[in-house]
């Protein structure tokens, strides 16, 4: 559950915190790097959640 909530919070932060700064071209290089990093962590949270869920389903 921690990884699901973490991924959701990261999605909210990217949508309402990082994306408006990228659109406004405010320190574009920095905010793009921050957003990309947060997007990567979102995918890691999703992958870990899938891995844990699949392990429980198949008895591993």
Protein backbone atom coordinates (compact mmCIF):
# COMPACT_ATOMS: atom_id res chain seq x y z
CA UNK A 1 0.00 0.00 0.00
CA UNK A 2 2.93 2.33 0.66
CA UNK A 3 4.08 2.13 -2.96
CA UNK A 4 0.58 2.77 -4.30
CA UNK A 5 0.15 5.88 -2.16
CA UNK A 6 3.69 7.01 -2.96
CA UNK A 7 3.05 6.73 -6.69
CA UNK A 8 -0.21 8.63 -6.38
CA UNK A 9 1.43 11.43 -4.39
CA UNK A 10 4.21 11.70 -6.94
CA UNK A 11 1.63 11.94 -9.73
CA UNK A 12 -0.10 14.80 -7.91
CA UNK A 13 3.19 16.59 -7.30
CA UNK A 14 4.19 16.31 -10.94
CA UNK A 15 0.77 17.46 -12.17
CA UNK A 16 0.31 20.43 -9.88
CA UNK A 17 3.87 21.30 -8.83
CA UNK A 18 6.27 20.54 -11.65
CA UNK A 19 4.19 20.70 -14.83
CA UNK A 20 3.05 24.33 -14.39
CA UNK A 21 6.67 25.41 -14.00
CA UNK A 22 7.67 23.54 -17.14
CA UNK A 23 4.82 25.14 -19.10
CA UNK A 24 5.84 28.57 -17.78
CA UNK A 25 9.43 27.88 -18.90
CA UNK A 26 10.66 28.62 -15.39
CA UNK A 27 14.14 27.05 -15.02
CA UNK A 28 13.11 24.58 -17.69
CA UNK A 29 16.15 22.31 -17.50
CA UNK A 30 15.94 21.86 -13.72
CA UNK A 31 12.17 21.28 -13.57
CA UNK A 32 12.26 18.89 -16.50
CA UNK A 33 14.95 16.85 -14.74
CA UNK A 34 12.97 16.87 -11.49
CA UNK A 35 9.79 15.82 -13.29
CA UNK A 36 11.58 13.05 -15.16
CA UNK A 37 13.08 11.75 -11.93
CA UNK A 38 9.69 11.77 -10.23
CA UNK A 39 8.17 9.97 -13.22
CA UNK A 40 10.87 7.30 -12.96
CA UNK A 41 10.12 6.80 -9.26
CA UNK A 42 6.41 6.50 -10.13
CA UNK A 43 7.24 3.65 -12.51
CA UNK A 44 9.38 1.99 -9.86
CA UNK A 45 6.50 2.19 -7.37
CA UNK A 46 4.16 0.66 -9.95
CA UNK A 47 6.65 -2.11 -10.76
CA UNK A 48 7.22 -2.96 -7.10
CA UNK A 49 3.47 -3.02 -6.48
CA UNK A 50 2.96 -5.35 -9.44
CA UNK A 51 5.80 -7.59 -8.31
CA UNK A 52 4.43 -7.86 -4.76
CA UNK A 53 0.88 -8.44 -5.99
CA UNK A 54 1.95 -11.11 -8.48
CA UNK A 55 4.04 -12.85 -5.82
CA UNK A 56 1.07 -13.07 -3.47
CA UNK A 57 -1.23 -14.31 -6.21
CA UNK A 58 1.04 -17.11 -7.36
CA UNK A 59 2.18 -18.08 -3.87
CA UNK A 60 5.81 -16.96 -4.09
